[in-house]
Protein backbone atom coordinates (compact mmCIF):
# COMPACT_ATOMS: atom_id res chain seq x y z
CA MET A 1 -9.82 -8.31 21.42
CA SER A 2 -7.90 -11.39 22.35
CA SER A 3 -10.75 -14.15 22.72
CA ILE A 4 -10.99 -17.08 21.04
CA LEU A 5 -14.50 -18.08 19.06
CA ILE A 6 -15.07 -21.84 19.24
CA VAL A 7 -18.26 -22.39 16.72
CA ASP A 8 -19.82 -26.39 16.89
CA ASP A 9 -23.28 -27.39 16.78
CA GLU A 10 -21.84 -30.11 18.87
CA ARG A 11 -21.76 -29.24 22.90
CA ASP A 12 -19.12 -32.08 23.79
CA ILE A 13 -16.94 -31.02 21.01
CA ARG A 14 -16.78 -26.94 21.37
CA GLU A 15 -16.35 -27.13 25.20
CA LEU A 16 -13.43 -29.85 24.53
CA ILE A 17 -11.96 -27.17 22.41
CA GLY A 18 -12.69 -24.62 24.89
CA ASP A 19 -11.05 -25.91 27.67
CA ILE A 20 -7.77 -27.26 26.21
CA LEU A 21 -7.42 -23.47 25.30
CA ARG A 22 -8.12 -22.27 28.88
CA ASP A 23 -5.42 -24.64 29.89
CA GLU A 24 -3.23 -22.60 27.31
CA GLY A 25 -4.21 -19.27 28.61
CA PHE A 26 -6.59 -18.20 26.11
CA THR A 27 -9.80 -16.68 26.76
CA VAL A 28 -12.85 -18.61 24.82
CA ARG A 29 -16.25 -18.08 23.77
CA LEU A 30 -18.37 -20.54 22.28
CA ALA A 31 -21.57 -20.61 20.08
CA ALA A 32 -23.66 -23.18 18.84
CA ASN A 33 -25.13 -22.02 16.05
CA ALA A 34 -24.79 -19.16 12.88
CA ASP A 35 -26.73 -16.98 15.45
CA GLU A 36 -25.34 -17.48 18.14
CA CYS A 37 -22.10 -16.77 16.52
CA ILE A 38 -23.24 -13.62 14.84
CA ALA A 39 -24.73 -12.62 17.97
CA GLU A 40 -20.60 -12.58 19.83
CA ILE A 41 -19.23 -11.24 16.66
CA ASN A 42 -21.77 -8.35 16.92
CA ALA A 43 -20.65 -7.92 20.83
CA GLU A 44 -16.68 -8.12 20.22
CA GLU A 45 -15.19 -9.13 17.39
CA PRO A 46 -12.60 -12.30 18.06
CA ALA A 47 -8.85 -12.49 17.69
CA LEU A 48 -9.47 -15.98 15.83
CA MET A 49 -12.25 -18.39 15.12
CA ILE A 50 -12.31 -22.26 14.99
CA LEU A 51 -16.01 -22.91 13.18
CA ASP A 52 -17.44 -26.11 12.51
CA ILE A 53 -18.93 -26.65 8.69
CA TRP A 54 -21.97 -28.31 9.64
CA LEU A 55 -24.14 -27.19 12.01
CA LYS A 56 -27.52 -28.79 12.75
CA ASP A 57 -30.81 -26.57 13.31
CA SER A 58 -28.95 -23.68 12.04
CA ARG A 59 -29.96 -21.05 9.26
CA MET A 60 -26.27 -20.48 7.33
CA ASP A 61 -23.80 -24.02 7.26
CA GLY A 62 -20.02 -22.93 8.16
CA ILE A 63 -19.44 -21.69 4.73
CA ASP A 64 -22.01 -19.26 4.81
CA ILE A 65 -20.34 -18.05 7.83
CA LEU A 66 -17.24 -18.04 6.49
CA LYS A 67 -18.23 -15.89 3.62
CA THR A 68 -20.57 -13.30 6.18
CA VAL A 69 -17.03 -12.67 8.63
CA LYS A 70 -14.75 -12.84 5.48
CA ARG A 71 -17.52 -9.84 4.14
CA ASP A 72 -17.69 -7.65 7.70
CA ASN A 73 -14.20 -8.52 9.34
CA PRO A 74 -11.99 -9.56 6.85
CA ASP A 75 -8.88 -9.31 9.57
CA VAL A 76 -10.29 -12.11 11.85
CA PRO A 77 -8.48 -15.53 10.98
CA VAL A 78 -10.73 -18.96 10.66
CA VAL A 79 -10.08 -22.47 11.01
CA ILE A 80 -12.60 -24.95 9.92
CA ILE A 81 -13.13 -28.36 11.61
CA SER A 82 -15.03 -30.98 10.45
CA GLY A 83 -15.96 -34.70 11.22
CA HIS A 84 -16.72 -35.27 7.11
CA GLY A 85 -14.35 -33.37 5.64
CA ASN A 86 -12.78 -34.23 2.34
CA ILE A 87 -10.33 -32.16 -0.10
CA GLU A 88 -13.49 -30.21 -1.78
CA ILE A 89 -15.15 -29.29 1.17
CA ALA A 90 -11.06 -27.89 1.86
CA VAL A 91 -10.52 -26.51 -0.98
CA ALA A 92 -13.65 -24.56 -1.22
CA ALA A 93 -13.19 -23.36 2.51
CA ILE A 94 -9.83 -21.98 1.71
CA LYS A 95 -11.41 -20.06 -1.29
CA GLN A 96 -13.60 -18.51 0.16
CA GLY A 97 -10.97 -16.99 2.93
CA ALA A 98 -10.57 -19.34 5.78
CA TYR A 99 -6.84 -19.68 7.40
CA ASP A 100 -6.75 -23.37 7.53
CA PHE A 101 -8.57 -26.49 7.51
CA ILE A 102 -8.63 -29.43 10.81
CA GLU A 103 -10.31 -33.16 10.42
CA LYS A 104 -12.19 -34.65 13.24
CA PRO A 105 -11.01 -36.37 15.48
CA PHE A 106 -8.34 -33.74 15.77
CA ASN A 107 -5.19 -34.42 17.21
CA ILE A 108 -4.43 -31.68 20.14
CA ASP A 109 -0.64 -30.88 18.86
CA GLN A 110 -1.71 -30.55 15.42
CA LEU A 111 -4.85 -28.35 17.04
CA MET A 112 -2.33 -26.00 19.21
CA VAL A 113 -0.11 -25.51 16.04
CA VAL A 114 -2.51 -24.14 13.48
CA VAL A 115 -3.90 -22.00 16.82
CA LEU A 116 -0.92 -20.12 17.98
CA ARG A 117 0.06 -19.74 13.77
CA ALA A 118 -3.22 -18.36 13.36
CA MET A 119 -2.62 -16.03 16.51
CA GLU A 120 0.35 -14.53 15.16
CA THR A 121 -1.30 -13.86 11.97
CA SER A 122 -4.08 -12.64 13.96
CA ARG A 123 -1.83 -9.90 15.90
CA LEU A 124 0.41 -8.71 13.25
CA ARG A 125 -3.72 -8.04 11.41
CA ARG A 126 -3.95 -5.76 14.16
CA GLU A 127 -0.39 -4.25 14.30
CA ASN A 128 -1.17 -3.31 10.26
CA SER A 129 -3.98 -2.01 11.16
CA ASP A 130 -3.46 0.04 14.34
CA LEU A 131 -0.53 1.39 11.97
CA ARG A 132 -2.96 2.74 9.43
CA ARG A 133 -4.71 4.02 11.12
CA ARG A 134 -1.69 6.59 13.06
CA ASP A 135 -0.90 7.11 9.77
CA VAL A 136 -4.26 8.55 8.72
CA SER A 137 -4.35 10.31 12.23
CA SER A 138 -1.20 11.90 11.70
CA SER A 139 -1.89 13.51 8.65
CA GLU A 140 -3.07 17.01 10.37
CA MET A 141 -4.09 19.88 8.13
CA LEU A 142 -1.63 23.02 8.79
CA GLY A 143 -2.26 26.60 8.06
CA GLN A 144 -3.44 29.94 9.46
CA SER A 145 -4.52 31.83 6.87
CA PRO A 146 -8.07 33.21 6.05
CA ALA A 147 -8.36 30.78 3.01
CA TYR A 148 -6.75 27.68 5.07
CA LYS A 149 -9.44 28.74 8.02
CA VAL A 150 -12.43 28.75 6.05
CA LEU A 151 -11.22 25.57 4.10
CA LYS A 152 -10.88 23.60 7.66
CA ALA A 153 -14.28 24.87 9.15
CA GLN A 154 -16.08 23.27 6.17
CA LEU A 155 -14.29 20.27 6.29
CA GLU A 156 -15.20 20.10 10.46
CA LYS A 157 -19.03 20.52 9.26
CA VAL A 158 -18.97 17.04 7.51
CA THR A 159 -16.73 14.53 9.38
CA LYS A 160 -19.47 13.39 11.37
CA SER A 161 -21.73 12.80 8.80
CA ASN A 162 -21.79 10.16 6.46
CA GLY A 163 -22.27 12.42 3.56
CA ARG A 164 -20.89 12.23 0.04
CA VAL A 165 -18.33 15.37 0.15
CA MET A 166 -16.59 16.24 -3.63
CA LEU A 167 -13.05 18.35 -3.13
CA THR A 168 -11.96 20.26 -5.86
CA GLY A 169 -8.66 22.41 -6.43
CA PRO A 170 -5.31 22.17 -8.30
CA ALA A 171 -2.66 19.47 -8.62
CA GLY A 172 -1.14 19.52 -5.21
CA SER A 173 -3.00 21.79 -3.31
CA GLY A 174 -3.70 19.01 -0.64
CA LYS A 175 -7.13 17.37 -1.59
CA GLU A 176 -6.38 13.92 -0.19
CA MET A 177 -4.90 15.45 2.70
CA ALA A 178 -8.44 17.10 3.19
CA ALA A 179 -9.41 13.87 2.30
CA ARG A 180 -7.81 12.38 5.21
CA PHE A 181 -8.63 14.58 7.68
CA ILE A 182 -12.43 13.82 7.34
CA HIS A 183 -11.68 10.14 7.54
CA ALA A 184 -9.21 10.72 10.81
CA ASN A 185 -11.89 12.56 12.88
CA SER A 186 -14.61 10.73 11.55
CA ASN A 187 -16.99 7.88 12.90
CA ARG A 188 -15.04 5.27 10.82
CA ALA A 189 -11.33 6.75 11.92
CA SER A 190 -10.73 3.04 13.08
CA ALA A 191 -11.94 1.59 9.61
CA PRO A 192 -9.99 1.44 6.75
CA PHE A 193 -9.35 4.78 4.43
CA VAL A 194 -8.52 3.43 0.58
CA SER A 195 -7.75 5.81 -1.92
CA VAL A 196 -8.16 4.79 -5.73
CA SER A 197 -6.07 6.10 -8.51
CA SER A 198 -8.49 6.97 -10.99
CA ALA A 199 -6.12 8.19 -13.28
CA THR A 200 -2.67 5.45 -12.78
CA ILE A 201 -5.39 2.41 -12.99
CA GLU A 202 -5.70 0.69 -16.58
CA PRO A 203 -8.84 1.21 -18.10
CA GLU A 204 -9.40 -2.27 -18.93
CA ARG A 205 -8.45 -3.54 -15.46
CA MET A 206 -10.19 -0.73 -13.72
CA GLU A 207 -13.36 -2.83 -12.84
CA GLU A 208 -10.89 -6.12 -11.60
CA VAL A 209 -8.99 -3.44 -8.74
CA LEU A 210 -12.62 -1.63 -7.80
CA PHE A 211 -14.30 -4.97 -7.53
CA GLY A 212 -12.28 -8.16 -6.90
CA ARG A 213 -12.52 -11.50 -8.54
CA GLU A 214 -12.93 -15.08 -8.60
CA THR A 215 -10.99 -17.93 -10.14
CA SER A 216 -11.02 -21.06 -9.60
CA ASP A 217 -7.32 -21.18 -9.40
CA ARG A 218 -6.96 -18.36 -6.95
CA GLY A 219 -10.25 -18.21 -5.17
CA ILE A 220 -11.21 -15.03 -3.90
CA GLU A 221 -9.53 -11.73 -4.42
CA LYS A 222 -11.13 -9.08 -2.37
CA GLY A 223 -11.18 -5.23 -4.67
CA LEU A 224 -10.07 -2.31 -3.53
CA LEU A 225 -13.85 -1.84 -2.54
CA GLU A 226 -13.97 -4.28 -0.79
CA GLN A 227 -10.83 -3.51 1.39
CA ALA A 228 -12.35 -0.42 2.45
CA HIS A 229 -15.73 -1.89 3.52
CA GLY A 230 -16.78 0.44 6.78
CA GLY A 231 -14.20 3.05 6.12
CA VAL A 232 -14.10 5.20 3.48
CA VAL A 233 -13.06 4.97 -0.18
CA TYR A 234 -11.20 7.91 -1.84
CA PHE A 235 -11.93 8.40 -5.76
CA ASP A 236 -8.68 10.58 -6.62
CA GLU A 237 -9.04 12.78 -9.95
CA VAL A 238 -12.66 10.70 -10.40
CA ALA A 239 -13.12 12.34 -13.88
CA ASP A 240 -10.52 10.04 -14.88
CA MET A 241 -12.67 6.82 -13.88
CA PRO A 242 -13.62 4.98 -17.41
CA LEU A 243 -17.52 5.55 -18.75
CA GLY A 244 -18.33 2.25 -17.90
CA THR A 245 -16.80 1.74 -14.67
CA GLN A 246 -18.77 4.78 -13.59
CA SER A 247 -21.97 3.17 -14.43
CA LYS A 248 -20.80 0.55 -11.84
CA ILE A 249 -20.02 2.33 -9.75
CA LEU A 250 -23.20 4.56 -9.51
CA ARG A 251 -25.06 1.19 -9.06
CA VAL A 252 -23.38 0.24 -5.81
CA LEU A 253 -23.90 3.94 -5.23
CA VAL A 254 -27.23 2.72 -5.12
CA GLU A 255 -27.08 -0.72 -3.79
CA GLN A 256 -24.28 -1.03 -1.55
CA GLN A 257 -23.25 -3.95 -2.79
CA PHE A 258 -21.97 -5.72 -6.47
CA SER A 259 -20.40 -8.81 -7.68
CA ARG A 260 -17.02 -9.75 -8.16
CA ALA A 261 -15.44 -10.20 -11.37
CA GLY A 262 -16.23 -13.86 -12.25
CA GLY A 263 -18.44 -14.47 -9.22
CA ALA A 264 -21.55 -14.32 -8.96
CA ASP A 265 -22.66 -13.85 -4.84
CA LYS A 266 -23.23 -10.60 -3.98
CA VAL A 267 -20.54 -8.35 -1.84
CA ARG A 268 -22.34 -5.85 0.70
CA VAL A 269 -20.20 -3.29 1.73
CA ASP A 270 -20.91 -0.06 4.36
CA LEU A 271 -18.79 2.51 2.68
CA ARG A 272 -18.73 6.52 2.75
CA VAL A 273 -17.87 7.90 -0.59
CA ILE A 274 -15.02 11.06 -0.77
CA SER A 275 -14.32 12.16 -4.62
CA SER A 276 -11.31 14.91 -6.04
CA THR A 277 -10.76 16.64 -9.05
CA THR A 278 -8.51 19.24 -11.01
CA ARG A 279 -11.14 19.06 -13.72
CA ASP A 280 -14.39 21.20 -14.21
CA LEU A 281 -16.78 18.17 -14.08
CA ARG A 282 -19.57 20.04 -15.68
CA SER A 283 -17.90 20.60 -18.85
CA GLU A 284 -16.99 16.87 -18.80
CA ILE A 285 -20.41 16.27 -18.17
CA SER A 286 -21.12 18.60 -21.21
CA ALA A 287 -17.93 16.73 -23.45
CA GLY A 288 -20.00 13.30 -22.74
CA ARG A 289 -16.94 11.84 -20.62
CA PHE A 290 -19.03 12.21 -17.03
CA ARG A 291 -22.00 10.78 -16.14
CA GLN A 292 -24.30 13.41 -14.74
CA GLU A 293 -26.08 10.79 -12.50
CA LEU A 294 -22.74 10.03 -10.72
CA TYR A 295 -21.73 13.64 -10.88
CA ASP A 296 -24.93 14.10 -8.85
CA ARG A 297 -24.30 11.06 -6.46
CA LEU A 298 -20.85 12.29 -5.45
CA ASN A 299 -21.15 16.06 -5.50
CA VAL A 300 -23.39 15.98 -2.24
CA VAL A 301 -21.33 18.41 -0.11
CA PRO A 302 -18.96 20.64 -2.61
CA ILE A 303 -15.80 22.00 -0.98
CA PRO A 304 -13.02 23.58 -2.86
CA VAL A 305 -9.80 23.09 -1.45
CA PRO A 306 -7.46 26.54 -2.15
CA SER A 307 -3.96 26.71 -4.03
CA LEU A 308 -0.80 27.29 -1.86
CA GLU A 309 -1.37 31.09 -4.22
CA ASP A 310 -4.14 31.62 -1.52
CA ARG A 311 -3.01 31.00 0.97
CA ARG A 312 0.30 32.15 0.93
CA GLU A 313 1.05 32.87 5.07
CA ASP A 314 1.01 29.44 5.93
CA ILE A 315 4.20 28.77 3.28
CA PRO A 316 6.83 29.28 6.36
CA HIS A 317 4.61 27.24 8.42
CA LEU A 318 4.32 24.42 5.77
CA THR A 319 8.25 24.76 5.41
CA ARG A 320 8.94 24.15 8.80
CA HIS A 321 6.48 21.62 9.20
CA PHE A 322 8.14 19.70 6.06
CA VAL A 323 12.09 20.50 7.35
CA GLU A 324 10.61 19.08 11.10
CA MET A 325 9.23 15.44 8.48
CA PHE A 326 12.32 15.20 6.77
CA HIS A 327 14.89 15.52 9.96
CA ALA A 328 12.45 12.90 11.40
CA THR A 329 11.99 10.46 8.59
CA GLN A 330 14.89 10.67 6.23
CA GLY A 331 18.10 12.09 9.05
CA LEU A 332 18.10 15.22 6.92
CA PRO A 333 19.94 18.59 8.81
CA LEU A 334 17.46 20.49 10.87
CA ARG A 335 17.42 23.79 9.19
CA ASP A 336 15.70 27.43 9.80
CA LEU A 337 14.95 29.62 7.35
CA SER A 338 16.51 32.62 7.00
CA PRO A 339 14.01 35.77 6.65
CA GLU A 340 15.39 36.54 3.22
CA ALA A 341 14.50 32.89 2.44
CA GLU A 342 11.08 32.77 3.63
CA ALA A 343 10.13 36.00 1.85
CA LEU A 344 11.27 34.76 -1.67
CA LEU A 345 9.36 31.33 -0.37
CA GLN A 346 5.98 33.65 0.20
CA THR A 347 6.31 35.64 -3.41
CA MET A 348 7.91 32.62 -5.65
CA GLN A 349 4.97 31.23 -8.03
CA TRP A 350 3.73 27.71 -7.17
CA PRO A 351 2.05 25.64 -9.74
CA GLY A 352 2.51 22.48 -8.42
CA ASN A 353 1.34 24.39 -4.49
CA VAL A 354 1.65 22.43 -1.62
CA ARG A 355 3.73 19.84 -3.52
CA GLN A 356 5.45 21.55 -4.86
CA LEU A 357 7.08 23.80 -2.00
CA ARG A 358 7.52 20.19 -0.47
CA ASN A 359 9.62 18.59 -3.01
CA VAL A 360 11.74 22.15 -3.04
CA ILE A 361 12.29 21.75 0.33
CA GLU A 362 13.57 17.78 0.26
CA ARG A 363 15.85 19.06 -2.26
CA VAL A 364 16.94 22.37 -0.51
CA LEU A 365 17.72 19.68 2.33
CA ILE A 366 19.28 17.01 0.39
CA LEU A 367 21.58 19.27 -1.82
CA GLY A 368 22.45 22.05 0.59
CA ASP A 369 26.35 21.86 2.28
CA SER A 370 25.29 23.97 5.98
CA ASN A 371 23.66 23.06 8.70
CA GLY A 372 22.47 26.65 9.34
CA PRO A 373 19.82 28.75 7.91
CA ILE A 374 17.88 27.98 4.54
CA GLU A 375 19.51 30.76 2.73
CA ALA A 376 17.01 32.43 -0.39
CA ARG A 377 19.85 31.52 -2.61
CA GLU A 378 19.63 27.76 -1.92
CA LEU A 379 16.09 28.12 -3.57
CA PRO A 380 15.25 27.73 -6.99
CA GLY A 381 13.68 29.89 -9.63
CA ARG A 382 14.81 33.13 -9.44
CA ASP A 383 15.04 36.19 -11.87
CA VAL A 384 16.85 38.52 -9.53
CA ALA A 385 19.15 36.91 -6.83
CA THR A 386 22.69 37.69 -5.60
CA ASP A 387 25.64 36.51 -6.28
CA GLY A 388 28.55 34.96 -4.03
CA ASP A 389 30.10 38.58 -2.96
CA GLY A 390 26.28 40.22 -2.65
CA ARG A 391 26.16 42.51 -5.91
CA LEU A 392 22.88 41.90 -7.84
CA VAL A 393 22.27 39.64 -10.47
CA LEU A 394 19.49 40.11 -12.86
CA GLY A 395 18.05 37.26 -15.47
CA GLY A 396 15.07 36.62 -18.15
CA ALA A 397 13.38 39.78 -19.19
CA MET A 398 14.72 42.27 -17.02
CA ALA A 399 17.67 42.09 -17.78
CA THR A 400 17.31 43.23 -21.39
CA LEU A 401 14.62 46.28 -20.84
CA PRO A 402 15.56 50.02 -20.58
CA LEU A 403 16.50 51.53 -16.97
CA ARG A 404 12.82 53.09 -16.93
CA GLU A 405 11.20 50.21 -18.25
CA ALA A 406 13.08 48.04 -15.99
CA ARG A 407 12.67 50.27 -12.72
CA GLU A 408 9.05 50.44 -13.48
CA LEU A 409 8.38 46.54 -13.96
CA PHE A 410 10.16 46.01 -10.87
CA GLU A 411 8.07 48.13 -8.85
CA LYS A 412 5.25 46.38 -10.44
CA GLU A 413 6.08 43.10 -10.21
CA TYR A 414 7.73 43.84 -5.92
CA LEU A 415 4.05 45.10 -4.94
CA LEU A 416 2.66 42.50 -6.34
CA THR A 417 4.49 40.00 -5.10
CA GLN A 418 3.92 41.86 -1.37
CA ILE A 419 0.50 42.18 -1.78
CA ASN A 420 -0.29 38.47 -2.59
CA ARG A 421 2.37 37.56 0.17
CA PHE A 422 0.42 39.31 2.82
CA GLY A 423 -2.75 38.02 1.23
CA GLY A 424 -3.94 41.20 0.03
CA ASN A 425 -3.97 43.27 3.41
CA ILE A 426 -2.40 46.87 2.56
CA SER A 427 -1.64 47.71 5.77
CA ARG A 428 1.03 45.01 6.48
CA THR A 429 2.10 45.37 2.65
CA ALA A 430 2.61 49.19 3.31
CA ASN A 431 4.36 48.17 6.85
CA PHE A 432 6.74 45.93 5.39
CA VAL A 433 7.66 47.90 2.60
CA GLY A 434 8.32 51.13 4.23
CA MET A 435 5.96 53.32 3.14
CA GLU A 436 2.83 55.23 4.31
CA ARG A 437 -0.63 53.69 3.18
CA SER A 438 -1.77 56.48 1.19
CA ALA A 439 1.36 56.62 -0.98
CA LEU A 440 1.43 53.00 -1.39
CA HIS A 441 -1.93 53.68 -2.59
CA ARG A 442 -0.59 56.34 -5.03
CA LYS A 443 2.26 54.73 -6.41
CA LEU A 444 0.10 51.47 -7.29
CA LYS A 445 -2.12 54.17 -9.17
CA SER A 446 0.77 55.50 -11.04
CA LEU A 447 1.69 51.90 -12.10
CA GLY A 448 -1.15 50.70 -13.41
CA VAL A 449 -2.16 48.61 -10.62
CA VAL A 450 -6.10 47.98 -9.44
CA THR A 451 -7.44 45.95 -6.34
CA THR A 452 -8.17 43.01 -9.22
CA ALA A 453 -4.66 43.87 -11.33
CA LYS A 454 -3.06 40.93 -12.71
CA LEU A 455 0.22 40.06 -13.98
CA GLY A 456 1.86 36.72 -14.53
CA GLY A 457 -1.17 34.87 -13.25
CA ARG A 458 -1.50 36.63 -10.14
CA THR A 459 -3.87 38.83 -8.89
CA ALA A 460 -3.83 41.06 -6.40
CA ARG A 461 -6.47 41.13 -3.78
CA LEU A 462 -6.29 44.41 -1.86
CA GLU A 463 -7.78 45.61 1.34
CA ASP A 464 -8.55 49.10 2.59
CA ASP A 465 -9.85 48.77 5.80
CA GLU A 466 -8.61 50.76 8.60
CA ASP A 467 -8.93 47.60 10.82
CA ASP A 468 -7.19 45.11 8.55
CA ASP A 469 -4.66 44.41 10.28
CA GLU A 470 -5.33 40.68 11.22
CA GLY A 471 -5.58 40.35 7.56
CA GLY A 472 -7.81 38.59 5.27
CA GLU A 473 -9.83 38.20 1.56
CA ASP A 474 -12.70 40.11 -0.06
């Protein structure tokens, strides 16, 4: 994409400009009217447009073409030329997004200065777009657990469609990562991915941020929806969107167009919408905080994103990924995991899910005083730990109980932890703790643990299948 498209109804002018630019080594295409111009753009997006304001026998004049180009091909710089130029036309063109304005008859040196500057702008915009696409594509999904495999299979089914997706799950579980995975593997991967943080945008500014605005002094300022044209808009925590804005978003989804704040023209957009929430939207609807019609429009394909507790088998893999990432991006030590640290990470509670795990690993790498394996003693949040001499140190409620109660509590906690760690797989749990499967069942029964036992917010999901060596979930 390195050609320059010249649009002028006067043949001599467009061919003169074309010859000048060819002599400078540029590839040039010519168009005499709006239809030829749009056809050339649709065939291949140019790196730069030189556009005449006045076009005879054309269904659109230069300003109308400029509006269309800035709507559908916003990264293309447009230089306006006119033989009837005045300051009003120049100001109008710049407000509509023109890169610069040149009045006929023009000086060749002046033309080349503007063209070279505009081509550099075009190059930088393309590089930025490539970097954005590369960043999205590198947001790979990681895991091997049954819960992860179910999630990825569901995501892969929706990548090639334009169906609206609603991602649900606890905070930090990776809903935006799932949205980026859909985008990166879709037919819109080369177009923008724009994230809208419904929870952090001030309600009184929400519509201006989404739809943009037009003012006499600053011209057109595009909103997030317009920036996402052709790609994906991701509404993060959509339940936090103000009711008034919900009505307008519903209208956009129906009409695929909107008006900017302060503007009269309709802006057409082609968007795929992905939303996410940590809340129960049906409860929000019952409470009058979320519109039923918008829910029906957004919830075409509901996909639950599992918590980290539901995919504990993925924790070592995710941890090593974060270590490698922080080494590459921040120069932090490239450390392995000790077996004790790996086991502890899999048994810890993660209310903040994958985000919390990432933060813990970053903190350990920053504060650690060793380049060796990450040890269990470096990890936070332990009721039972060892001191520097290897002696057991009790904390929390455990230290206040009589021996028998403490032993039973420890055994129950320990076995529940291991069962959850191995995804409810009894065979693997029994093998790790060094017990026969039948003995483990008897121990669980004596401790009052059943297949749906809950302790401290955890659920033991047990499998008692003769062929359950690969693990899984009920």
